[in-house]
N, C-alpha and C. Protein backbone atom coordinates (compact mmCIF):
# COMPACT_ATOMS: atom_id res chain seq x y z
N MET A 1 9.58 -11.56 34.28
CA MET A 1 8.15 -11.75 34.36
C MET A 1 7.53 -11.28 33.03
N PRO A 2 6.82 -12.16 32.34
CA PRO A 2 6.21 -11.76 31.06
C PRO A 2 5.03 -10.83 31.26
N ILE A 3 4.78 -10.03 30.27
CA ILE A 3 3.63 -9.13 30.26
C ILE A 3 2.59 -9.71 29.32
N ILE A 4 1.37 -9.83 29.80
CA ILE A 4 0.28 -10.37 28.98
C ILE A 4 -0.68 -9.25 28.63
N VAL A 5 -0.94 -9.08 27.33
CA VAL A 5 -1.87 -8.06 26.86
C VAL A 5 -3.20 -8.75 26.58
N ASP A 6 -4.23 -8.42 27.35
CA ASP A 6 -5.54 -9.02 27.16
C ASP A 6 -6.37 -8.29 26.12
N GLU A 7 -6.18 -6.99 26.01
CA GLU A 7 -7.01 -6.20 25.12
C GLU A 7 -6.24 -4.97 24.67
N VAL A 8 -6.40 -4.62 23.41
CA VAL A 8 -5.77 -3.42 22.87
C VAL A 8 -6.89 -2.50 22.39
N VAL A 9 -6.88 -1.27 22.85
CA VAL A 9 -7.89 -0.30 22.45
C VAL A 9 -7.19 0.84 21.72
N ILE A 10 -7.62 1.11 20.51
CA ILE A 10 -7.05 2.18 19.70
C ILE A 10 -8.18 3.14 19.37
N SER A 11 -7.98 4.42 19.67
CA SER A 11 -8.99 5.41 19.33
C SER A 11 -8.33 6.53 18.54
N VAL A 12 -9.07 7.05 17.58
CA VAL A 12 -8.56 8.09 16.70
C VAL A 12 -9.61 9.18 16.58
N GLU A 13 -9.18 10.43 16.64
CA GLU A 13 -10.09 11.54 16.45
C GLU A 13 -9.68 12.24 15.16
N VAL A 14 -10.62 12.35 14.23
CA VAL A 14 -10.35 12.95 12.93
C VAL A 14 -11.13 14.25 12.82
N GLY A 15 -10.45 15.32 12.40
CA GLY A 15 -11.13 16.59 12.17
C GLY A 15 -11.52 17.29 13.46
N ASN A 16 -10.58 17.48 14.35
CA ASN A 16 -10.83 18.14 15.62
C ASN A 16 -10.93 19.64 15.41
N ARG A 17 -12.13 20.15 15.39
CA ARG A 17 -12.35 21.59 15.16
C ARG A 17 -11.84 22.43 16.31
N GLU A 18 -11.89 21.91 17.54
CA GLU A 18 -11.43 22.67 18.69
C GLU A 18 -9.92 22.92 18.64
N ALA A 19 -9.19 22.04 17.98
CA ALA A 19 -7.74 22.18 17.89
C ALA A 19 -7.33 23.01 16.67
N GLY A 20 -8.29 23.60 15.99
CA GLY A 20 -7.98 24.45 14.86
C GLY A 20 -8.20 23.80 13.51
N GLY A 21 -8.60 22.53 13.50
CA GLY A 21 -8.89 21.86 12.24
C GLY A 21 -10.27 22.26 11.75
N ASP A 22 -10.46 22.23 10.44
CA ASP A 22 -11.76 22.62 9.91
C ASP A 22 -12.68 21.43 9.70
N GLY A 23 -12.18 20.21 9.95
CA GLY A 23 -13.01 19.03 9.81
C GLY A 23 -13.12 18.53 8.39
N ALA A 24 -12.65 19.29 7.42
CA ALA A 24 -12.70 18.87 6.02
C ALA A 24 -11.46 18.05 5.69
N ALA A 25 -11.65 17.07 4.84
CA ALA A 25 -10.51 16.25 4.42
C ALA A 25 -9.62 17.06 3.49
N PRO A 26 -8.31 16.92 3.60
CA PRO A 26 -7.41 17.62 2.69
C PRO A 26 -7.57 17.11 1.26
N ALA A 27 -7.19 17.92 0.32
CA ALA A 27 -7.29 17.53 -1.09
C ALA A 27 -6.47 16.28 -1.34
N GLY A 28 -7.05 15.33 -2.04
CA GLY A 28 -6.36 14.09 -2.35
C GLY A 28 -6.43 13.05 -1.24
N ALA A 29 -7.10 13.36 -0.13
CA ALA A 29 -7.23 12.40 0.96
C ALA A 29 -8.28 11.37 0.61
N PRO A 30 -8.08 10.13 1.06
CA PRO A 30 -9.08 9.10 0.76
C PRO A 30 -10.38 9.38 1.51
N PRO A 31 -11.51 8.92 0.99
CA PRO A 31 -12.79 9.12 1.68
C PRO A 31 -12.77 8.46 3.05
N VAL A 32 -13.68 8.90 3.91
CA VAL A 32 -13.73 8.40 5.28
C VAL A 32 -13.89 6.88 5.31
N ALA A 33 -14.69 6.31 4.41
CA ALA A 33 -14.90 4.85 4.38
C ALA A 33 -13.57 4.15 4.14
N ASP A 34 -12.72 4.69 3.26
CA ASP A 34 -11.42 4.09 2.99
C ASP A 34 -10.52 4.20 4.21
N LYS A 35 -10.60 5.31 4.93
CA LYS A 35 -9.81 5.47 6.15
C LYS A 35 -10.24 4.46 7.19
N GLN A 36 -11.55 4.25 7.32
CA GLN A 36 -12.07 3.28 8.28
C GLN A 36 -11.58 1.87 7.93
N ALA A 37 -11.61 1.53 6.66
CA ALA A 37 -11.14 0.22 6.23
C ALA A 37 -9.65 0.05 6.53
N LEU A 38 -8.87 1.11 6.33
CA LEU A 38 -7.44 1.07 6.60
C LEU A 38 -7.18 0.87 8.09
N VAL A 39 -7.91 1.60 8.93
CA VAL A 39 -7.75 1.46 10.39
C VAL A 39 -8.12 0.04 10.81
N GLU A 40 -9.22 -0.49 10.28
CA GLU A 40 -9.65 -1.84 10.64
C GLU A 40 -8.60 -2.88 10.23
N GLU A 41 -8.00 -2.71 9.06
CA GLU A 41 -6.96 -3.63 8.61
C GLU A 41 -5.73 -3.56 9.52
N CYS A 42 -5.34 -2.36 9.92
CA CYS A 42 -4.19 -2.19 10.82
C CYS A 42 -4.46 -2.86 12.16
N VAL A 43 -5.63 -2.63 12.71
CA VAL A 43 -5.98 -3.23 14.00
C VAL A 43 -6.00 -4.75 13.87
N SER A 44 -6.55 -5.25 12.80
CA SER A 44 -6.60 -6.69 12.58
C SER A 44 -5.20 -7.29 12.55
N ARG A 45 -4.28 -6.65 11.85
CA ARG A 45 -2.91 -7.16 11.77
C ARG A 45 -2.19 -7.10 13.11
N VAL A 46 -2.41 -6.03 13.86
CA VAL A 46 -1.78 -5.92 15.18
C VAL A 46 -2.29 -7.03 16.09
N LEU A 47 -3.59 -7.26 16.10
CA LEU A 47 -4.16 -8.32 16.93
C LEU A 47 -3.64 -9.69 16.52
N GLU A 48 -3.48 -9.90 15.22
CA GLU A 48 -2.95 -11.18 14.73
C GLU A 48 -1.51 -11.39 15.23
N ILE A 49 -0.70 -10.36 15.18
CA ILE A 49 0.68 -10.44 15.66
C ILE A 49 0.70 -10.74 17.15
N LEU A 50 -0.17 -10.07 17.92
CA LEU A 50 -0.23 -10.31 19.35
C LEU A 50 -0.65 -11.75 19.66
N ARG A 51 -1.61 -12.29 18.90
CA ARG A 51 -2.05 -13.68 19.12
C ARG A 51 -0.91 -14.65 18.82
N GLU A 52 -0.15 -14.38 17.75
CA GLU A 52 0.98 -15.25 17.40
C GLU A 52 2.04 -15.24 18.50
N ARG A 53 2.25 -14.12 19.14
CA ARG A 53 3.23 -14.03 20.22
C ARG A 53 2.79 -14.79 21.45
N GLN A 54 1.48 -14.92 21.67
CA GLN A 54 0.96 -15.62 22.83
C GLN A 54 1.02 -17.12 22.68
N GLU A 55 1.03 -17.62 21.43
CA GLU A 55 1.05 -19.07 21.21
C GLU A 55 2.41 -19.62 21.62
N PRO A 56 2.39 -20.80 22.26
CA PRO A 56 3.66 -21.41 22.71
C PRO A 56 4.52 -21.92 21.59
């Protein structure tokens, strides 16, 4: 029986102060805007791969 994925939800928490993080980016880390662009690109590629798998 095949498994059909209708929706993929990815959530990320950056700088969790409650877990002991200070919320500041480490030295040499890309700015938040660059991180957001990277996450968006990754999600886009994953969704593209999933769509290709669904095509007959």
